[in-house]
Amino acid sequence: MANVKGIGGAFIYSNDAARLAKWYRDMLGVETEALPDGSGYYKVFFTRDVETSVMRENPVFAIYKATEELAGSGRGFMLNLRVDNLAEFLEQLRAKGVKIEEKVQVWERGKHAWIMDLDGNRVELYEEIVGEAPERMPPNSGILA
């Protein structure tokens, strides 16, 4: 039986894709490239397939120019970005004036904090707590918000 193997990418539509791509570069350090057709910007993150050890060119992060005017907020999605040191990264963002939610959540698998991007999208920042990997993840495991 065929299965979903993971996340292939995160795609954001923006009324001003260039402005939002610049914000992700300046505030979060995500360097993007322009798509060949000029419709947006993208960044490929390399990951290793757990089953085969093959390097993969995904997930992809992309920002596209919206084809119609978007609402100011409440688009019904949240981007999750992995960071290497959550506390330090939050301090860097505070110094840049990024809107950071007060709540920081820590549990056995990681640390989580939330920010808002320039378009008002909620972005979760996640620092994995590395330890012994569980033999099997529980069904529907996830973050308790």
N, C-alpha and C. Protein backbone atom coordinates (compact mmCIF):
# COMPACT_ATOMS: atom_id res chain seq x y z
N MET A 1 0.85 -1.18 0.00
CA MET A 1 0.00 0.00 0.00
C MET A 1 0.89 1.24 0.00
N ALA A 2 0.55 2.19 -0.82
CA ALA A 2 1.30 3.44 -0.90
C ALA A 2 0.99 4.30 0.32
N ASN A 3 1.98 5.05 0.79
CA ASN A 3 1.83 5.88 1.98
C ASN A 3 2.43 7.26 1.77
N VAL A 4 1.98 8.19 2.56
CA VAL A 4 2.64 9.49 2.64
C VAL A 4 3.95 9.28 3.38
N LYS A 5 5.03 9.79 2.85
CA LYS A 5 6.35 9.57 3.44
C LYS A 5 6.89 10.78 4.19
N GLY A 6 6.23 11.92 4.08
CA GLY A 6 6.72 13.11 4.76
C GLY A 6 6.20 14.36 4.09
N ILE A 7 6.73 15.47 4.49
CA ILE A 7 6.34 16.76 3.93
C ILE A 7 7.23 17.08 2.74
N GLY A 8 6.63 17.37 1.62
CA GLY A 8 7.38 17.73 0.41
C GLY A 8 7.70 19.20 0.35
N GLY A 9 6.91 20.01 1.05
CA GLY A 9 7.18 21.43 1.02
C GLY A 9 6.13 22.24 1.72
N ALA A 10 6.42 23.50 1.86
CA ALA A 10 5.49 24.48 2.42
C ALA A 10 5.43 25.62 1.43
N PHE A 11 4.21 26.00 1.04
CA PHE A 11 4.03 27.01 0.01
C PHE A 11 3.12 28.10 0.53
N ILE A 12 3.61 29.31 0.51
CA ILE A 12 2.87 30.47 1.00
C ILE A 12 2.52 31.36 -0.18
N TYR A 13 1.30 31.82 -0.22
CA TYR A 13 0.90 32.81 -1.22
C TYR A 13 0.85 34.17 -0.55
N SER A 14 1.36 35.17 -1.23
CA SER A 14 1.45 36.51 -0.67
C SER A 14 1.03 37.54 -1.70
N ASN A 15 0.44 38.63 -1.23
CA ASN A 15 0.13 39.73 -2.13
C ASN A 15 1.40 40.38 -2.66
N ASP A 16 2.51 40.27 -1.92
CA ASP A 16 3.80 40.83 -2.33
C ASP A 16 4.89 39.81 -2.03
N ALA A 17 5.07 38.85 -2.94
CA ALA A 17 6.00 37.74 -2.72
C ALA A 17 7.44 38.22 -2.52
N ALA A 18 7.87 39.23 -3.27
CA ALA A 18 9.24 39.72 -3.14
C ALA A 18 9.47 40.31 -1.76
N ARG A 19 8.52 41.09 -1.27
CA ARG A 19 8.63 41.70 0.06
C ARG A 19 8.68 40.64 1.15
N LEU A 20 7.82 39.62 1.03
CA LEU A 20 7.80 38.56 2.04
C LEU A 20 9.07 37.71 1.99
N ALA A 21 9.56 37.41 0.79
CA ALA A 21 10.81 36.64 0.66
C ALA A 21 11.97 37.42 1.30
N LYS A 22 11.98 38.74 1.11
CA LYS A 22 13.02 39.57 1.72
C LYS A 22 12.91 39.52 3.24
N TRP A 23 11.68 39.53 3.79
CA TRP A 23 11.49 39.44 5.24
C TRP A 23 12.02 38.11 5.77
N TYR A 24 11.71 36.99 5.09
CA TYR A 24 12.22 35.69 5.54
C TYR A 24 13.74 35.65 5.47
N ARG A 25 14.34 36.32 4.49
CA ARG A 25 15.80 36.40 4.41
C ARG A 25 16.36 37.24 5.54
N ASP A 26 15.83 38.45 5.72
CA ASP A 26 16.38 39.39 6.69
C ASP A 26 16.11 38.98 8.13
N MET A 27 14.95 38.43 8.41
CA MET A 27 14.59 38.10 9.79
C MET A 27 14.96 36.67 10.19
N LEU A 28 14.78 35.71 9.28
CA LEU A 28 15.00 34.31 9.63
C LEU A 28 16.22 33.69 8.96
N GLY A 29 16.84 34.41 8.05
CA GLY A 29 18.03 33.88 7.39
C GLY A 29 17.73 32.86 6.31
N VAL A 30 16.50 32.82 5.81
CA VAL A 30 16.13 31.88 4.75
C VAL A 30 16.40 32.53 3.40
N GLU A 31 17.49 32.13 2.78
CA GLU A 31 17.88 32.67 1.46
C GLU A 31 17.08 31.93 0.39
N THR A 32 16.32 32.67 -0.38
CA THR A 32 15.53 32.07 -1.45
C THR A 32 16.08 32.49 -2.80
N GLU A 33 15.67 31.76 -3.83
CA GLU A 33 16.00 32.10 -5.21
C GLU A 33 14.70 32.40 -5.94
N ALA A 34 14.78 33.27 -6.94
CA ALA A 34 13.60 33.56 -7.75
C ALA A 34 13.29 32.35 -8.63
N LEU A 35 12.01 32.05 -8.75
CA LEU A 35 11.59 31.00 -9.68
C LEU A 35 11.85 31.47 -11.11
N PRO A 36 12.17 30.55 -12.01
CA PRO A 36 12.50 30.95 -13.39
C PRO A 36 11.41 31.78 -14.08
N ASP A 37 10.15 31.52 -13.77
CA ASP A 37 9.07 32.25 -14.42
C ASP A 37 8.70 33.55 -13.71
N GLY A 38 9.41 33.86 -12.60
CA GLY A 38 9.16 35.11 -11.88
C GLY A 38 7.93 35.10 -10.99
N SER A 39 7.31 33.94 -10.80
CA SER A 39 6.07 33.87 -10.01
C SER A 39 6.30 33.80 -8.51
N GLY A 40 7.54 33.69 -8.08
CA GLY A 40 7.80 33.59 -6.65
C GLY A 40 9.24 33.26 -6.34
N TYR A 41 9.45 32.74 -5.14
CA TYR A 41 10.78 32.48 -4.61
C TYR A 41 10.77 31.12 -3.92
N TYR A 42 11.93 30.45 -3.88
CA TYR A 42 11.97 29.13 -3.25
C TYR A 42 13.31 28.86 -2.60
N LYS A 43 13.30 27.88 -1.70
CA LYS A 43 14.51 27.38 -1.03
C LYS A 43 14.33 25.88 -0.89
N VAL A 44 15.33 25.12 -1.29
CA VAL A 44 15.31 23.67 -1.13
C VAL A 44 16.14 23.31 0.09
N PHE A 45 15.57 22.51 0.97
CA PHE A 45 16.29 21.99 2.13
C PHE A 45 16.62 20.53 1.85
N PHE A 46 17.86 20.16 2.09
CA PHE A 46 18.27 18.79 1.84
C PHE A 46 18.05 17.94 3.09
N THR A 47 17.50 16.76 2.91
CA THR A 47 17.27 15.83 4.01
C THR A 47 17.73 14.44 3.57
N ARG A 48 17.95 13.58 4.54
CA ARG A 48 18.36 12.21 4.24
C ARG A 48 17.17 11.28 4.50
N ASP A 49 16.86 10.46 3.52
CA ASP A 49 15.79 9.48 3.65
C ASP A 49 16.18 8.44 4.71
N VAL A 50 15.32 8.24 5.68
CA VAL A 50 15.60 7.33 6.79
C VAL A 50 15.75 5.89 6.31
N GLU A 51 14.94 5.49 5.35
CA GLU A 51 14.95 4.10 4.90
C GLU A 51 16.12 3.77 3.97
N THR A 52 16.51 4.72 3.11
CA THR A 52 17.53 4.43 2.10
C THR A 52 18.83 5.21 2.28
N SER A 53 18.86 6.19 3.16
CA SER A 53 20.00 7.09 3.37
C SER A 53 20.30 7.97 2.15
N VAL A 54 19.41 7.99 1.18
CA VAL A 54 19.58 8.84 0.00
C VAL A 54 19.29 10.29 0.39
N MET A 55 20.14 11.21 -0.11
CA MET A 55 19.89 12.63 0.11
C MET A 55 18.76 13.07 -0.81
N ARG A 56 17.81 13.82 -0.26
CA ARG A 56 16.66 14.29 -1.02
C ARG A 56 16.64 15.81 -1.03
N GLU A 57 16.12 16.35 -2.10
CA GLU A 57 15.98 17.79 -2.23
C GLU A 57 14.57 18.19 -1.83
N ASN A 58 14.25 17.98 -0.59
CA ASN A 58 12.97 18.41 -0.03
C ASN A 58 13.09 18.34 1.48
N PRO A 59 12.34 19.09 2.18
CA PRO A 59 11.20 19.85 1.71
C PRO A 59 11.60 21.16 1.04
N VAL A 60 10.68 21.67 0.25
CA VAL A 60 10.85 22.94 -0.43
C VAL A 60 10.02 23.99 0.30
N PHE A 61 10.59 25.16 0.48
CA PHE A 61 9.87 26.30 1.03
C PHE A 61 9.72 27.29 -0.12
N ALA A 62 8.49 27.72 -0.39
CA ALA A 62 8.28 28.63 -1.51
C ALA A 62 7.27 29.72 -1.14
N ILE A 63 7.49 30.88 -1.72
CA ILE A 63 6.57 32.01 -1.57
C ILE A 63 6.15 32.40 -2.99
N TYR A 64 4.85 32.34 -3.25
CA TYR A 64 4.32 32.66 -4.57
C TYR A 64 3.52 33.94 -4.52
N LYS A 65 3.51 34.66 -5.62
CA LYS A 65 2.65 35.82 -5.78
C LYS A 65 1.21 35.32 -5.90
N ALA A 66 0.34 35.83 -5.03
CA ALA A 66 -1.06 35.44 -5.07
C ALA A 66 -1.69 35.92 -6.38
N THR A 67 -2.57 35.12 -6.93
CA THR A 67 -3.24 35.49 -8.18
C THR A 67 -4.46 36.36 -7.92
N GLU A 68 -4.89 36.42 -6.66
CA GLU A 68 -5.98 37.31 -6.27
C GLU A 68 -5.66 37.87 -4.89
N GLU A 69 -6.25 38.97 -4.52
CA GLU A 69 -5.97 39.62 -3.23
C GLU A 69 -6.31 38.68 -2.07
N LEU A 70 -5.38 38.55 -1.12
CA LEU A 70 -5.57 37.67 0.03
C LEU A 70 -6.06 38.46 1.24
N ALA A 71 -6.74 37.76 2.14
CA ALA A 71 -7.16 38.36 3.40
C ALA A 71 -5.93 38.73 4.21
N GLY A 72 -6.08 39.69 5.12
CA GLY A 72 -4.96 40.15 5.93
C GLY A 72 -4.43 39.13 6.92
N SER A 73 -5.27 38.21 7.38
CA SER A 73 -4.83 37.18 8.33
C SER A 73 -5.82 36.03 8.33
N GLY A 74 -5.53 35.03 9.13
CA GLY A 74 -6.45 33.91 9.29
C GLY A 74 -6.54 33.03 8.07
N ARG A 75 -5.40 32.72 7.47
CA ARG A 75 -5.41 31.90 6.26
C ARG A 75 -5.50 30.41 6.53
N GLY A 76 -5.50 30.01 7.80
CA GLY A 76 -5.72 28.61 8.14
C GLY A 76 -4.54 27.67 7.98
N PHE A 77 -3.32 28.17 8.08
CA PHE A 77 -2.16 27.28 8.05
C PHE A 77 -1.08 27.86 8.96
N MET A 78 -0.10 27.03 9.29
CA MET A 78 1.03 27.50 10.06
C MET A 78 2.27 26.80 9.53
N LEU A 79 3.32 27.55 9.35
CA LEU A 79 4.60 27.03 8.91
C LEU A 79 5.40 26.65 10.15
N ASN A 80 6.09 25.51 10.10
CA ASN A 80 6.96 25.07 11.19
C ASN A 80 8.38 25.03 10.64
N LEU A 81 9.29 25.76 11.28
CA LEU A 81 10.69 25.78 10.87
C LEU A 81 11.56 25.24 12.00
N ARG A 82 12.48 24.31 11.66
CA ARG A 82 13.41 23.79 12.65
C ARG A 82 14.55 24.78 12.83
N VAL A 83 14.96 25.00 14.08
CA VAL A 83 16.09 25.87 14.39
C VAL A 83 17.08 25.09 15.27
N ASP A 84 18.32 25.54 15.30
CA ASP A 84 19.32 24.81 16.07
C ASP A 84 19.42 25.26 17.52
N ASN A 85 19.00 26.48 17.83
CA ASN A 85 19.06 26.98 19.20
C ASN A 85 17.91 27.98 19.37
N LEU A 86 16.81 27.52 19.92
CA LEU A 86 15.60 28.33 19.99
C LEU A 86 15.80 29.61 20.79
N ALA A 87 16.39 29.52 21.97
CA ALA A 87 16.56 30.70 22.83
C ALA A 87 17.39 31.77 22.12
N GLU A 88 18.49 31.37 21.53
CA GLU A 88 19.35 32.32 20.84
C GLU A 88 18.65 32.93 19.62
N PHE A 89 17.93 32.09 18.89
CA PHE A 89 17.22 32.57 17.71
C PHE A 89 16.14 33.58 18.09
N LEU A 90 15.42 33.32 19.18
CA LEU A 90 14.39 34.26 19.63
C LEU A 90 15.00 35.60 20.03
N GLU A 91 16.16 35.58 20.66
CA GLU A 91 16.84 36.83 21.01
C GLU A 91 17.21 37.61 19.76
N GLN A 92 17.70 36.93 18.74
CA GLN A 92 18.04 37.59 17.49
C GLN A 92 16.80 38.24 16.87
N LEU A 93 15.68 37.51 16.90
CA LEU A 93 14.44 38.03 16.32
C LEU A 93 13.91 39.22 17.12
N ARG A 94 14.00 39.15 18.45
CA ARG A 94 13.57 40.28 19.30
C ARG A 94 14.36 41.53 18.93
N ALA A 95 15.67 41.37 18.74
CA ALA A 95 16.52 42.51 18.39
C ALA A 95 16.14 43.12 17.04
N LYS A 96 15.54 42.31 16.18
CA LYS A 96 15.10 42.79 14.86
C LYS A 96 13.66 43.31 14.89
N GLY A 97 13.01 43.21 16.04
CA GLY A 97 11.65 43.72 16.16
C GLY A 97 10.57 42.78 15.67
N VAL A 98 10.87 41.49 15.53
CA VAL A 98 9.87 40.52 15.09
C VAL A 98 8.87 40.27 16.21
N LYS A 99 7.58 40.17 15.85
CA LYS A 99 6.53 39.90 16.83
C LYS A 99 6.63 38.43 17.27
N ILE A 100 6.87 38.23 18.58
CA ILE A 100 7.04 36.90 19.15
C ILE A 100 5.96 36.67 20.19
N GLU A 101 5.29 35.52 20.10
CA GLU A 101 4.30 35.18 21.12
C GLU A 101 5.03 34.85 22.43
N GLU A 102 4.39 35.14 23.55
CA GLU A 102 5.04 34.94 24.86
C GLU A 102 5.25 33.46 25.20
N LYS A 103 4.33 32.61 24.81
CA LYS A 103 4.37 31.20 25.19
C LYS A 103 5.53 30.47 24.50
N VAL A 104 6.32 29.75 25.29
CA VAL A 104 7.31 28.81 24.78
C VAL A 104 6.94 27.46 25.37
N GLN A 105 6.81 26.47 24.51
CA GLN A 105 6.40 25.14 24.96
C GLN A 105 7.60 24.20 24.90
N VAL A 106 7.83 23.47 25.98
CA VAL A 106 8.91 22.49 26.04
C VAL A 106 8.30 21.15 26.43
N TRP A 107 8.64 20.13 25.70
CA TRP A 107 8.20 18.77 26.02
C TRP A 107 9.32 17.82 25.66
N GLU A 108 9.12 16.53 25.80
CA GLU A 108 10.21 15.56 25.64
C GLU A 108 10.84 15.55 24.26
N ARG A 109 10.15 15.99 23.24
CA ARG A 109 10.68 15.94 21.88
C ARG A 109 11.18 17.28 21.35
N GLY A 110 10.91 18.35 22.08
CA GLY A 110 11.41 19.62 21.55
C GLY A 110 10.89 20.85 22.25
N LYS A 111 11.36 21.97 21.76
CA LYS A 111 10.98 23.28 22.27
C LYS A 111 10.30 24.04 21.12
N HIS A 112 9.23 24.76 21.44
CA HIS A 112 8.45 25.44 20.41
C HIS A 112 8.18 26.88 20.82
N ALA A 113 8.24 27.77 19.84
CA ALA A 113 7.85 29.17 20.04
C ALA A 113 7.18 29.62 18.74
N TRP A 114 6.43 30.71 18.81
CA TRP A 114 5.68 31.16 17.64
C TRP A 114 5.92 32.64 17.39
N ILE A 115 6.02 32.98 16.11
CA ILE A 115 6.20 34.36 15.67
C ILE A 115 5.17 34.65 14.58
N MET A 116 5.09 35.91 14.18
CA MET A 116 4.25 36.30 13.04
C MET A 116 5.17 36.86 11.96
N ASP A 117 4.93 36.44 10.71
CA ASP A 117 5.73 37.00 9.63
C ASP A 117 5.14 38.33 9.17
N LEU A 118 5.74 38.90 8.18
CA LEU A 118 5.35 40.22 7.69
C LEU A 118 3.91 40.27 7.17
N ASP A 119 3.40 39.14 6.65
CA ASP A 119 2.03 39.08 6.14
C ASP A 119 1.02 38.67 7.21
N GLY A 120 1.48 38.46 8.44
CA GLY A 120 0.57 38.05 9.52
C GLY A 120 0.38 36.56 9.62
N ASN A 121 1.22 35.76 8.96
CA ASN A 121 1.16 34.30 9.06
C ASN A 121 1.85 33.86 10.34
N ARG A 122 1.22 32.93 11.05
CA ARG A 122 1.83 32.37 12.26
C ARG A 122 2.90 31.36 11.85
N VAL A 123 4.10 31.49 12.42
CA VAL A 123 5.22 30.61 12.12
C VAL A 123 5.69 29.98 13.43
N GLU A 124 5.76 28.65 13.44
CA GLU A 124 6.26 27.94 14.62
C GLU A 124 7.74 27.68 14.43
N LEU A 125 8.53 27.96 15.46
CA LEU A 125 9.96 27.66 15.47
C LEU A 125 10.16 26.46 16.40
N TYR A 126 10.90 25.47 15.94
CA TYR A 126 11.03 24.20 16.66
C TYR A 126 12.50 23.81 16.79
N GLU A 127 12.92 23.57 18.04
CA GLU A 127 14.25 23.02 18.31
C GLU A 127 14.06 21.61 18.82
N GLU A 128 14.55 20.65 18.07
CA GLU A 128 14.43 19.25 18.46
C GLU A 128 15.32 18.96 19.68
N ILE A 129 14.80 18.21 20.62
CA ILE A 129 15.61 17.72 21.74
C ILE A 129 16.10 16.35 21.32
N VAL A 130 17.39 16.26 21.08
CA VAL A 130 17.97 15.03 20.55
C VAL A 130 18.28 14.08 21.71
N GLY A 131 17.83 12.88 21.56
CA GLY A 131 18.09 11.83 22.55
C GLY A 131 17.93 10.51 21.85
N GLU A 132 17.62 9.49 22.61
CA GLU A 132 17.37 8.20 21.99
C GLU A 132 16.09 8.26 21.20
N ALA A 133 16.16 7.81 19.95
CA ALA A 133 14.97 7.80 19.10
C ALA A 133 14.02 6.71 19.57
N PRO A 134 12.74 6.99 19.63
CA PRO A 134 11.78 5.96 20.01
C PRO A 134 11.74 4.88 18.93
N GLU A 135 11.45 3.64 19.34
CA GLU A 135 11.36 2.57 18.36
C GLU A 135 10.27 2.85 17.35
N ARG A 136 9.17 3.40 17.83
CA ARG A 136 8.05 3.70 16.95
C ARG A 136 7.30 4.88 17.52
N MET A 137 6.96 5.83 16.66
CA MET A 137 6.18 6.98 17.09
C MET A 137 4.75 6.53 17.35
N PRO A 138 4.12 7.07 18.38
CA PRO A 138 2.72 6.74 18.61
C PRO A 138 1.85 7.24 17.45
N PRO A 139 0.73 6.56 17.15
CA PRO A 139 -0.15 7.00 16.07
C PRO A 139 -0.62 8.43 16.32
N ASN A 140 -0.68 9.22 15.24
CA ASN A 140 -1.17 10.59 15.30
C ASN A 140 -0.42 11.42 16.33
N SER A 141 0.86 11.12 16.55
CA SER A 141 1.61 11.91 17.53
C SER A 141 1.79 13.32 16.98
N GLY A 142 1.84 14.28 17.86
CA GLY A 142 1.99 15.65 17.42
C GLY A 142 2.16 16.57 18.61
N ILE A 143 2.06 17.82 18.34
CA ILE A 143 2.26 18.85 19.36
C ILE A 143 0.93 19.16 20.03
N LEU A 144 0.96 19.27 21.32
CA LEU A 144 -0.22 19.71 22.05
C LEU A 144 -0.13 21.21 22.18
N ALA A 145 -1.04 21.91 21.57
CA ALA A 145 -0.99 23.37 21.58
C ALA A 145 -1.64 23.94 22.80
